Structures are given as structure tokens and as C-alpha cells.
Amino acid sequence: MTRINVAIAVAGETRGRLYEIATQCRALGFGHTATLSDVGVLKGSAELEDLPALRAVPGVLGIEMEELRSSRGARRIPKVRVRSGGARRTRRAGPAPTRQ
């Protein structure tokens, strides 16, 4: 059995029942680790086989699964630096240096 990390999105009109929905999902095998009540998301883990039952819980809008990694290891995420417009570096174009 394969256990994966998932995020369960709860429909906006049912956010008042978020903890009730979390209880129902836990009863279906959801390993609940965090609740993001301001956006209506439950985070945790579940077996792949349990996902259809979790999607069928009234109030569940959708389930997002963490990307499964290959046996070659995790994919590297490039580091990106974001600079503000004032931090740009510019160089003046001058005459090319001469060699003698």
C-alpha cells in the first residue's frame, strides 16, 4: 500500500463544518496533520486506495496529491533570486580594451 501526502479542499459553503468533515475523513483512513481553516484545507496523508472514498465525503471539493518521486531521487528546484527594479545592475558600454 502506498501512502501519499494530500491536501483536501473543502467547499466554501461548508467551511463552518470543517472539523466535522475532518473527523469523517479520519474515519476513512486520512492521517490528518494540519488544518488551514482560513482557506478550508485539510493536510495529511492517505492511501491511494482511500482517495475515492475521501472525495465522496459531502463538502469535499477536491484532493490534491503530492507529486510522487522517482527512484532517482527528488527533483531539484532551481534557486531563484528576485530583485526589485532599483536593484538592477547596469554597465556602461565603453571602448573595448586594446592589447599590445
PDB file of N, CA and C in Angstrom:
ATOM      1  N   MET A   1       0.839  -1.180   0.000  1.00  0.00           N
ATOM      2  CA  MET A   1       0.000   0.000   0.000  1.00  0.00           C
ATOM      3  C   MET A   1       0.881   1.240   0.000  1.00  0.00           C
ATOM      4  N   THR A   2       0.464   2.224  -0.781  1.00  0.00           N
ATOM      5  CA  THR A   2       1.239   3.443  -0.922  1.00  0.00           C
ATOM      6  C   THR A   2       0.544   4.593  -0.223  1.00  0.00           C
ATOM      7  N   ARG A   3       1.206   5.176   0.747  1.00  0.00           N
ATOM      8  CA  ARG A   3       0.670   6.328   1.479  1.00  0.00           C
ATOM      9  C   ARG A   3       1.308   7.584   0.897  1.00  0.00           C
ATOM     10  N   ILE A   4       0.474   8.561   0.558  1.00  0.00           N
ATOM     11  CA  ILE A   4       0.973   9.803  -0.032  1.00  0.00           C
ATOM     12  C   ILE A   4       0.431  10.996   0.746  1.00  0.00           C
ATOM     13  N   ASN A   5       1.132  12.111   0.644  1.00  0.00           N
ATOM     14  CA  ASN A   5       0.676  13.353   1.266  1.00  0.00           C
ATOM     15  C   ASN A   5      -0.399  13.979   0.389  1.00  0.00           C
ATOM     16  N   VAL A   6      -1.472  14.449   1.032  1.00  0.00           N
ATOM     17  CA  VAL A   6      -2.578  15.053   0.293  1.00  0.00           C
ATOM     18  C   VAL A   6      -3.056  16.315   0.998  1.00  0.00           C
ATOM     19  N   ALA A   7      -3.719  17.148   0.222  1.00  0.00           N
ATOM     20  CA  ALA A   7      -4.416  18.322   0.751  1.00  0.00           C
ATOM     21  C   ALA A   7      -5.858  18.208   0.281  1.00  0.00           C
ATOM     22  N   ILE A   8      -6.778  18.261   1.223  1.00  0.00           N
ATOM     23  CA  ILE A   8      -8.201  18.136   0.910  1.00  0.00           C
ATOM     24  C   ILE A   8      -8.830  19.519   0.990  1.00  0.00           C
ATOM     25  N   ALA A   9      -9.384  19.983  -0.126  1.00  0.00           N
ATOM     26  CA  ALA A   9     -10.048  21.291  -0.174  1.00  0.00           C
ATOM     27  C   ALA A   9     -11.521  21.112   0.148  1.00  0.00           C
ATOM     28  N   VAL A  10     -12.020  21.973   1.017  1.00  0.00           N
ATOM     29  CA  VAL A  10     -13.416  21.927   1.433  1.00  0.00           C
ATOM     30  C   VAL A  10     -14.153  23.088   0.780  1.00  0.00           C
ATOM     31  N   ALA A  11     -15.366  22.823   0.280  1.00  0.00           N
ATOM     32  CA  ALA A  11     -16.170  23.849  -0.396  1.00  0.00           C
ATOM     33  C   ALA A  11     -16.450  25.018   0.542  1.00  0.00           C
ATOM     34  N   GLY A  12     -16.504  26.216  -0.020  1.00  0.00           N
ATOM     35  CA  GLY A  12     -16.688  27.431   0.754  1.00  0.00           C
ATOM     36  C   GLY A  12     -17.906  27.436   1.650  1.00  0.00           C
ATOM     37  N   GLU A  13     -19.039  26.932   1.161  1.00  0.00           N
ATOM     38  CA  GLU A  13     -20.264  26.952   1.959  1.00  0.00           C
ATOM     39  C   GLU A  13     -20.248  25.933   3.093  1.00  0.00           C
ATOM     40  N   THR A  14     -19.279  25.016   3.087  1.00  0.00           N
ATOM     41  CA  THR A  14     -19.205  24.005   4.154  1.00  0.00           C
ATOM     42  C   THR A  14     -18.033  24.235   5.101  1.00  0.00           C
ATOM     43  N   ARG A  15     -17.359  25.372   5.008  1.00  0.00           N
ATOM     44  CA  ARG A  15     -16.207  25.634   5.885  1.00  0.00           C
ATOM     45  C   ARG A  15     -16.605  25.691   7.355  1.00  0.00           C
ATOM     46  N   GLY A  16     -17.846  26.020   7.630  1.00  0.00           N
ATOM     47  CA  GLY A  16     -18.320  26.016   9.008  1.00  0.00           C
ATOM     48  C   GLY A  16     -18.332  24.617   9.610  1.00  0.00           C
ATOM     49  N   ARG A  17     -18.326  23.595   8.742  1.00  0.00           N
ATOM     50  CA  ARG A  17     -18.314  22.197   9.194  1.00  0.00           C
ATOM     51  C   ARG A  17     -16.953  21.555   8.953  1.00  0.00           C
ATOM     52  N   LEU A  18     -15.906  22.359   8.862  1.00  0.00           N
ATOM     53  CA  LEU A  18     -14.575  21.867   8.509  1.00  0.00           C
ATOM     54  C   LEU A  18     -14.101  20.765   9.455  1.00  0.00           C
ATOM     55  N   TYR A  19     -14.306  20.957  10.748  1.00  0.00           N
ATOM     56  CA  TYR A  19     -13.826  19.953  11.706  1.00  0.00           C
ATOM     57  C   TYR A  19     -14.670  18.677  11.660  1.00  0.00           C
ATOM     58  N   GLU A  20     -15.931  18.803  11.331  1.00  0.00           N
ATOM     59  CA  GLU A  20     -16.783  17.624  11.147  1.00  0.00           C
ATOM     60  C   GLU A  20     -16.326  16.826   9.922  1.00  0.00           C
ATOM     61  N   ILE A  21     -15.998  17.533   8.852  1.00  0.00           N
ATOM     62  CA  ILE A  21     -15.501  16.880   7.636  1.00  0.00           C
ATOM     63  C   ILE A  21     -14.161  16.206   7.921  1.00  0.00           C
ATOM     64  N   ALA A  22     -13.306  16.870   8.717  1.00  0.00           N
ATOM     65  CA  ALA A  22     -12.015  16.277   9.076  1.00  0.00           C
ATOM     66  C   ALA A  22     -12.221  14.975   9.851  1.00  0.00           C
ATOM     67  N   THR A  23     -13.197  14.946  10.741  1.00  0.00           N
ATOM     68  CA  THR A  23     -13.496  13.739  11.511  1.00  0.00           C
ATOM     69  C   THR A  23     -13.946  12.608  10.595  1.00  0.00           C
ATOM     70  N   GLN A  24     -14.804  12.929   9.612  1.00  0.00           N
ATOM     71  CA  GLN A  24     -15.262  11.913   8.658  1.00  0.00           C
ATOM     72  C   GLN A  24     -14.093  11.376   7.832  1.00  0.00           C
ATOM     73  N   CYS A  25     -13.194  12.273   7.418  1.00  0.00           N
ATOM     74  CA  CYS A  25     -12.039  11.845   6.616  1.00  0.00           C
ATOM     75  C   CYS A  25     -11.093  10.969   7.442  1.00  0.00           C
ATOM     76  N   ARG A  26     -10.887  11.316   8.706  1.00  0.00           N
ATOM     77  CA  ARG A  26     -10.037  10.486   9.571  1.00  0.00           C
ATOM     78  C   ARG A  26     -10.621   9.084   9.744  1.00  0.00           C
ATOM     79  N   ALA A  27     -11.935   8.998   9.806  1.00  0.00           N
ATOM     80  CA  ALA A  27     -12.596   7.690   9.929  1.00  0.00           C
ATOM     81  C   ALA A  27     -12.377   6.840   8.679  1.00  0.00           C
ATOM     82  N   LEU A  28     -12.075   7.483   7.549  1.00  0.00           N
ATOM     83  CA  LEU A  28     -11.838   6.766   6.292  1.00  0.00           C
ATOM     84  C   LEU A  28     -10.356   6.513   6.028  1.00  0.00           C
ATOM     85  N   GLY A  29      -9.495   6.772   7.045  1.00  0.00           N
ATOM     86  CA  GLY A  29      -8.073   6.468   6.894  1.00  0.00           C
ATOM     87  C   GLY A  29      -7.181   7.666   6.641  1.00  0.00           C
ATOM     88  N   PHE A  30      -7.723   8.861   6.640  1.00  0.00           N
ATOM     89  CA  PHE A  30      -6.935  10.068   6.415  1.00  0.00           C
ATOM     90  C   PHE A  30      -6.085  10.349   7.650  1.00  0.00           C
ATOM     91  N   GLY A  31      -4.781  10.501   7.464  1.00  0.00           N
ATOM     92  CA  GLY A  31      -3.865  10.833   8.555  1.00  0.00           C
ATOM     93  C   GLY A  31      -3.737  12.337   8.653  1.00  0.00           C
ATOM     94  N   HIS A  32      -4.627  12.956   9.391  1.00  0.00           N
ATOM     95  CA  HIS A  32      -4.752  14.411   9.492  1.00  0.00           C
ATOM     96  C   HIS A  32      -3.580  14.998  10.284  1.00  0.00           C
ATOM     97  N   THR A  33      -2.862  15.960   9.676  1.00  0.00           N
ATOM     98  CA  THR A  33      -1.731  16.586  10.367  1.00  0.00           C
ATOM     99  C   THR A  33      -1.911  18.079  10.572  1.00  0.00           C
ATOM    100  N   ALA A  34      -2.721  18.750   9.731  1.00  0.00           N
ATOM    101  CA  ALA A  34      -2.889  20.199   9.860  1.00  0.00           C
ATOM    102  C   ALA A  34      -4.222  20.639   9.272  1.00  0.00           C
ATOM    103  N   THR A  35      -4.757  21.724   9.839  1.00  0.00           N
ATOM    104  CA  THR A  35      -5.989  22.328   9.332  1.00  0.00           C
ATOM    105  C   THR A  35      -5.716  23.780   9.011  1.00  0.00           C
ATOM    106  N   LEU A  36      -5.982  24.174   7.782  1.00  0.00           N
ATOM    107  CA  LEU A  36      -5.864  25.571   7.365  1.00  0.00           C
ATOM    108  C   LEU A  36      -7.281  26.114   7.256  1.00  0.00           C
ATOM    109  N   SER A  37      -7.836  26.508   8.400  1.00  0.00           N
ATOM    110  CA  SER A  37      -9.253  26.866   8.452  1.00  0.00           C
ATOM    111  C   SER A  37      -9.580  28.128   7.671  1.00  0.00           C
ATOM    112  N   ASP A  38      -8.632  29.053   7.530  1.00  0.00           N
ATOM    113  CA  ASP A  38      -8.921  30.279   6.802  1.00  0.00           C
ATOM    114  C   ASP A  38      -9.129  30.052   5.310  1.00  0.00           C
ATOM    115  N   VAL A  39      -8.557  28.985   4.767  1.00  0.00           N
ATOM    116  CA  VAL A  39      -8.747  28.680   3.344  1.00  0.00           C
ATOM    117  C   VAL A  39      -9.528  27.396   3.123  1.00  0.00           C
ATOM    118  N   GLY A  40      -9.869  26.677   4.195  1.00  0.00           N
ATOM    119  CA  GLY A  40     -10.660  25.457   4.070  1.00  0.00           C
ATOM    120  C   GLY A  40      -9.894  24.283   3.510  1.00  0.00           C
ATOM    121  N   VAL A  41      -8.706  24.023   4.061  1.00  0.00           N
ATOM    122  CA  VAL A  41      -7.873  22.923   3.570  1.00  0.00           C
ATOM    123  C   VAL A  41      -7.440  22.058   4.746  1.00  0.00           C
ATOM    124  N   LEU A  42      -7.514  20.743   4.543  1.00  0.00           N
ATOM    125  CA  LEU A  42      -7.027  19.762   5.499  1.00  0.00           C
ATOM    126  C   LEU A  42      -5.782  19.122   4.897  1.00  0.00           C
ATOM    127  N   LYS A  43      -4.694  19.052   5.650  1.00  0.00           N
ATOM    128  CA  LYS A  43      -3.459  18.453   5.153  1.00  0.00           C
ATOM    129  C   LYS A  43      -3.174  17.181   5.928  1.00  0.00           C
ATOM    130  N   GLY A  44      -2.590  16.218   5.249  1.00  0.00           N
ATOM    131  CA  GLY A  44      -2.248  14.955   5.886  1.00  0.00           C
ATOM    132  C   GLY A  44      -1.811  13.933   4.855  1.00  0.00           C
ATOM    133  N   SER A  45      -2.042  12.657   5.158  1.00  0.00           N
ATOM    134  CA  SER A  45      -1.660  11.588   4.238  1.00  0.00           C
ATOM    135  C   SER A  45      -2.788  10.570   4.140  1.00  0.00           C
ATOM    136  N   ALA A  46      -2.770   9.825   3.053  1.00  0.00           N
ATOM    137  CA  ALA A  46      -3.800   8.811   2.821  1.00  0.00           C
ATOM    138  C   ALA A  46      -3.253   7.744   1.886  1.00  0.00           C
ATOM    139  N   GLU A  47      -3.878   6.589   1.940  1.00  0.00           N
ATOM    140  CA  GLU A  47      -3.558   5.512   0.994  1.00  0.00           C
ATOM    141  C   GLU A  47      -4.203   5.855  -0.345  1.00  0.00           C
ATOM    142  N   LEU A  48      -3.557   5.466  -1.430  1.00  0.00           N
ATOM    143  CA  LEU A  48      -4.128   5.711  -2.762  1.00  0.00           C
ATOM    144  C   LEU A  48      -5.521   5.105  -2.887  1.00  0.00           C
ATOM    145  N   GLU A  49      -5.717   3.937  -2.277  1.00  0.00           N
ATOM    146  CA  GLU A  49      -6.995   3.241  -2.368  1.00  0.00           C
ATOM    147  C   GLU A  49      -8.116   3.989  -1.648  1.00  0.00           C
ATOM    148  N   ASP A  50      -7.771   4.861  -0.686  1.00  0.00           N
ATOM    149  CA  ASP A  50      -8.775   5.591   0.092  1.00  0.00           C
ATOM    150  C   ASP A  50      -9.236   6.888  -0.573  1.00  0.00           C
ATOM    151  N   LEU A  51      -8.553   7.336  -1.608  1.00  0.00           N
ATOM    152  CA  LEU A  51      -8.877   8.628  -2.216  1.00  0.00           C
ATOM    153  C   LEU A  51     -10.304   8.722  -2.764  1.00  0.00           C
ATOM    154  N   PRO A  52     -10.834   7.694  -3.451  1.00  0.00           N
ATOM    155  CA  PRO A  52     -12.224   7.807  -3.919  1.00  0.00           C
ATOM    156  C   PRO A  52     -13.224   7.994  -2.774  1.00  0.00           C
ATOM    157  N   ALA A  53     -13.016   7.293  -1.660  1.00  0.00           N
ATOM    158  CA  ALA A  53     -13.921   7.439  -0.514  1.00  0.00           C
ATOM    159  C   ALA A  53     -13.799   8.826   0.103  1.00  0.00           C
ATOM    160  N   LEU A  54     -12.581   9.377   0.149  1.00  0.00           N
ATOM    161  CA  LEU A  54     -12.395  10.722   0.692  1.00  0.00           C
ATOM    162  C   LEU A  54     -13.041  11.776  -0.203  1.00  0.00           C
ATOM    163  N   ARG A  55     -12.963  11.578  -1.523  1.00  0.00           N
ATOM    164  CA  ARG A  55     -13.594  12.527  -2.457  1.00  0.00           C
ATOM    165  C   ARG A  55     -15.112  12.511  -2.323  1.00  0.00           C
ATOM    166  N   ALA A  56     -15.666  11.387  -1.883  1.00  0.00           N
ATOM    167  CA  ALA A  56     -17.114  11.240  -1.774  1.00  0.00           C
ATOM    168  C   ALA A  56     -17.688  11.849  -0.497  1.00  0.00           C
ATOM    169  N   VAL A  57     -16.835  12.295   0.432  1.00  0.00           N
ATOM    170  CA  VAL A  57     -17.328  12.903   1.674  1.00  0.00           C
ATOM    171  C   VAL A  57     -18.049  14.207   1.317  1.00  0.00           C
ATOM    172  N   PRO A  58     -19.279  14.399   1.798  1.00  0.00           N
ATOM    173  CA  PRO A  58     -20.009  15.636   1.498  1.00  0.00           C
ATOM    174  C   PRO A  58     -19.236  16.856   1.996  1.00  0.00           C
ATOM    175  N   GLY A  59     -19.054  17.815   1.108  1.00  0.00           N
ATOM    176  CA  GLY A  59     -18.319  19.030   1.439  1.00  0.00           C
ATOM    177  C   GLY A  59     -16.910  19.056   0.888  1.00  0.00           C
ATOM    178  N   VAL A  60     -16.368  17.896   0.487  1.00  0.00           N
ATOM    179  CA  VAL A  60     -15.020  17.860  -0.083  1.00  0.00           C
ATOM    180  C   VAL A  60     -15.099  18.349  -1.526  1.00  0.00           C
ATOM    181  N   LEU A  61     -14.332  19.391  -1.800  1.00  0.00           N
ATOM    182  CA  LEU A  61     -14.305  19.982  -3.140  1.00  0.00           C
ATOM    183  C   LEU A  61     -13.320  19.260  -4.046  1.00  0.00           C
ATOM    184  N   GLY A  62     -12.173  18.885  -3.504  1.00  0.00           N
ATOM    185  CA  GLY A  62     -11.166  18.193  -4.288  1.00  0.00           C
ATOM    186  C   GLY A  62     -10.006  17.762  -3.419  1.00  0.00           C
ATOM    187  N   ILE A  63      -9.155  16.915  -3.987  1.00  0.00           N
ATOM    188  CA  ILE A  63      -7.979  16.415  -3.278  1.00  0.00           C
ATOM    189  C   ILE A  63      -6.767  16.617  -4.177  1.00  0.00           C
ATOM    190  N   GLU A  64      -5.747  17.234  -3.608  1.00  0.00           N
ATOM    191  CA  GLU A  64      -4.501  17.419  -4.346  1.00  0.00           C
ATOM    192  C   GLU A  64      -3.458  16.496  -3.751  1.00  0.00           C
ATOM    193  N   MET A  65      -2.798  15.732  -4.605  1.00  0.00           N
ATOM    194  CA  MET A  65      -1.785  14.780  -4.150  1.00  0.00           C
ATOM    195  C   MET A  65      -0.400  15.358  -4.352  1.00  0.00           C
ATOM    196  N   GLU A  66       0.505  15.028  -3.434  1.00  0.00           N
ATOM    197  CA  GLU A  66       1.897  15.414  -3.607  1.00  0.00           C
ATOM    198  C   GLU A  66       2.466  14.598  -4.748  1.00  0.00           C
ATOM    199  N   GLU A  67       3.291  15.212  -5.551  1.00  0.00           N
ATOM    200  CA  GLU A  67       3.886  14.530  -6.692  1.00  0.00           C
ATOM    201  C   GLU A  67       4.753  13.377  -6.211  1.00  0.00           C
ATOM    202  N   LEU A  68       4.528  12.198  -6.779  1.00  0.00           N
ATOM    203  CA  LEU A  68       5.336  11.035  -6.423  1.00  0.00           C
ATOM    204  C   LEU A  68       6.717  11.199  -7.036  1.00  0.00           C
ATOM    205  N   ARG A  69       7.738  10.850  -6.290  1.00  0.00           N
ATOM    206  CA  ARG A  69       9.125  10.987  -6.749  1.00  0.00           C
ATOM    207  C   ARG A  69       9.590   9.683  -7.371  1.00  0.00           C
ATOM    208  N   SER A  70      10.463   9.806  -8.336  1.00  0.00           N
ATOM    209  CA  SER A  70      11.009   8.607  -8.968  1.00  0.00           C
ATOM    210  C   SER A  70      12.106   8.028  -8.085  1.00  0.00           C
ATOM    211  N   SER A  71      12.583   6.858  -8.447  1.00  0.00           N
ATOM    212  CA  SER A  71      13.623   6.204  -7.663  1.00  0.00           C
ATOM    213  C   SER A  71      14.957   6.930  -7.781  1.00  0.00           C
ATOM    214  N   ARG A  72      15.064   7.840  -8.739  1.00  0.00           N
ATOM    215  CA  ARG A  72      16.307   8.581  -8.914  1.00  0.00           C
ATOM    216  C   ARG A  72      16.460   9.705  -7.897  1.00  0.00           C
ATOM    217  N   GLY A  73      15.448   9.919  -7.085  1.00  0.00           N
ATOM    218  CA  GLY A  73      15.562  10.952  -6.058  1.00  0.00           C
ATOM    219  C   GLY A  73      14.678  12.139  -6.365  1.00  0.00           C
ATOM    220  N   ALA A  74      14.717  13.075  -5.479  1.00  0.00           N
ATOM    221  CA  ALA A  74      13.880  14.268  -5.617  1.00  0.00           C
ATOM    222  C   ALA A  74      14.391  15.139  -6.762  1.00  0.00           C
ATOM    223  N   ARG A  75      13.456  15.774  -7.410  1.00  0.00           N
ATOM    224  CA  ARG A  75      13.799  16.692  -8.469  1.00  0.00           C
ATOM    225  C   ARG A  75      14.349  17.967  -7.837  1.00  0.00           C
ATOM    226  N   ARG A  76      15.399  18.509  -8.395  1.00  0.00           N
ATOM    227  CA  ARG A  76      15.977  19.720  -7.830  1.00  0.00           C
ATOM    228  C   ARG A  76      15.165  20.929  -8.268  1.00  0.00           C
ATOM    229  N   ILE A  77      14.932  21.798  -7.326  1.00  0.00           N
ATOM    230  CA  ILE A  77      14.221  23.037  -7.622  1.00  0.00           C
ATOM    231  C   ILE A  77      15.260  24.133  -7.732  1.00  0.00           C
ATOM    232  N   PRO A  78      15.308  24.830  -8.870  1.00  0.00           N
ATOM    233  CA  PRO A  78      16.330  25.859  -9.022  1.00  0.00           C
ATOM    234  C   PRO A  78      16.096  27.013  -8.051  1.00  0.00           C
ATOM    235  N   LYS A  79      17.183  27.566  -7.532  1.00  0.00           N
ATOM    236  CA  LYS A  79      17.074  28.724  -6.658  1.00  0.00           C
ATOM    237  C   LYS A  79      16.906  29.956  -7.528  1.00  0.00           C
ATOM    238  N   VAL A  80      15.957  30.782  -7.160  1.00  0.00           N
ATOM    239  CA  VAL A  80      15.664  31.973  -7.946  1.00  0.00           C
ATOM    240  C   VAL A  80      15.798  33.182  -7.041  1.00  0.00           C
ATOM    241  N   ARG A  81      16.478  34.191  -7.521  1.00  0.00           N
ATOM    242  CA  ARG A  81      16.581  35.445  -6.789  1.00  0.00           C
ATOM    243  C   ARG A  81      15.713  36.473  -7.490  1.00  0.00           C
ATOM    244  N   VAL A  82      14.926  37.154  -6.709  1.00  0.00           N
ATOM    245  CA  VAL A  82      14.067  38.191  -7.266  1.00  0.00           C
ATOM    246  C   VAL A  82      14.593  39.529  -6.786  1.00  0.00           C
ATOM    247  N   ARG A  83      14.868  40.406  -7.723  1.00  0.00           N
ATOM    248  CA  ARG A  83      15.368  41.724  -7.368  1.00  0.00           C
ATOM    249  C   ARG A  83      14.315  42.763  -7.696  1.00  0.00           C
ATOM    250  N   SER A  84      14.308  43.813  -6.916  1.00  0.00           N
ATOM    251  CA  SER A  84      13.399  44.913  -7.236  1.00  0.00           C
ATOM    252  C   SER A  84      13.993  45.705  -8.389  1.00  0.00           C
ATOM    253  N   GLY A  85      13.188  46.535  -9.004  1.00  0.00           N
ATOM    254  CA  GLY A  85      13.643  47.297 -10.163  1.00  0.00           C
ATOM    255  C   GLY A  85      14.838  48.176  -9.860  1.00  0.00           C
ATOM    256  N   GLY A  86      14.934  48.706  -8.651  1.00  0.00           N
ATOM    257  CA  GLY A  86      16.038  49.588  -8.294  1.00  0.00           C
ATOM    258  C   GLY A  86      17.339  48.856  -8.069  1.00  0.00           C
ATOM    259  N   ALA A  87      17.284  47.538  -7.973  1.00  0.00           N
ATOM    260  CA  ALA A  87      18.492  46.777  -7.678  1.00  0.00           C
ATOM    261  C   ALA A  87      19.164  46.242  -8.939  1.00  0.00           C
ATOM    262  N   ARG A  88      18.704  46.630 -10.086  1.00  0.00           N
ATOM    263  CA  ARG A  88      19.317  46.139 -11.325  1.00  0.00           C
ATOM    264  C   ARG A  88      20.713  46.705 -11.479  1.00  0.00           C
ATOM    265  N   ARG A  89      21.572  45.896 -11.995  1.00  0.00           N
ATOM    266  CA  ARG A  89      22.946  46.340 -12.234  1.00  0.00           C
ATOM    267  C   ARG A  89      23.108  46.611 -13.709  1.00  0.00           C
ATOM    268  N   THR A  90      23.668  47.732 -14.008  1.00  0.00           N
ATOM    269  CA  THR A  90      23.926  48.064 -15.411  1.00  0.00           C
ATOM    270  C   THR A  90      25.389  48.455 -15.550  1.00  0.00           C
ATOM    271  N   ARG A  91      25.927  48.220 -16.723  1.00  0.00           N
ATOM    272  CA  ARG A  91      27.292  48.624 -17.014  1.00  0.00           C
ATOM    273  C   ARG A  91      27.262  49.514 -18.237  1.00  0.00           C
ATOM    274  N   ARG A  92      28.104  50.480 -18.203  1.00  0.00           N
ATOM    275  CA  ARG A  92      28.215  51.345 -19.376  1.00  0.00           C
ATOM    276  C   ARG A  92      29.058  50.648 -20.424  1.00  0.00           C
ATOM    277  N   ALA A  93      28.636  50.788 -21.636  1.00  0.00           N
ATOM    278  CA  ALA A  93      29.422  50.233 -22.730  1.00  0.00           C
ATOM    279  C   ALA A  93      30.526  51.233 -23.077  1.00  0.00           C
ATOM    280  N   GLY A  94      31.723  50.807 -22.912  1.00  0.00           N
ATOM    281  CA  GLY A  94      32.856  51.682 -23.208  1.00  0.00           C
ATOM    282  C   GLY A  94      33.676  51.073 -24.325  1.00  0.00           C
ATOM    283  N   PRO A  95      34.739  51.715 -24.655  1.00  0.00           N
ATOM    284  CA  PRO A  95      35.593  51.173 -25.713  1.00  0.00           C
ATOM    285  C   PRO A  95      36.216  49.853 -25.256  1.00  0.00           C
ATOM    286  N   ALA A  96      36.369  48.975 -26.190  1.00  0.00           N
ATOM    287  CA  ALA A  96      36.965  47.679 -25.898  1.00  0.00           C
ATOM    288  C   ALA A  96      38.428  47.873 -25.545  1.00  0.00           C
ATOM    289  N   PRO A  97      38.918  47.129 -24.578  1.00  0.00           N
ATOM    290  CA  PRO A  97      40.332  47.268 -24.229  1.00  0.00           C
ATOM    291  C   PRO A  97      41.215  46.806 -25.387  1.00  0.00           C
ATOM    292  N   THR A  98      42.320  47.509 -25.547  1.00  0.00           N
ATOM    293  CA  THR A  98      43.251  47.162 -26.645  1.00  0.00           C
ATOM    294  C   THR A  98      44.398  46.374 -26.077  1.00  0.00           C
ATOM    295  N   ARG A  99      44.847  45.435 -26.853  1.00  0.00           N
ATOM    296  CA  ARG A  99      46.016  44.625 -26.444  1.00  0.00           C
ATOM    297  C   ARG A  99      47.215  45.042 -27.260  1.00  0.00           C
ATOM    298  N   GLN A 100      48.338  45.060 -26.630  1.00  0.00           N
ATOM    299  CA  GLN A 100      49.557  45.417 -27.359  1.00  0.00           C
ATOM    300  C   GLN A 100      50.550  44.313 -27.350  1.00  0.00           C
TER     301      GLN A 100
END
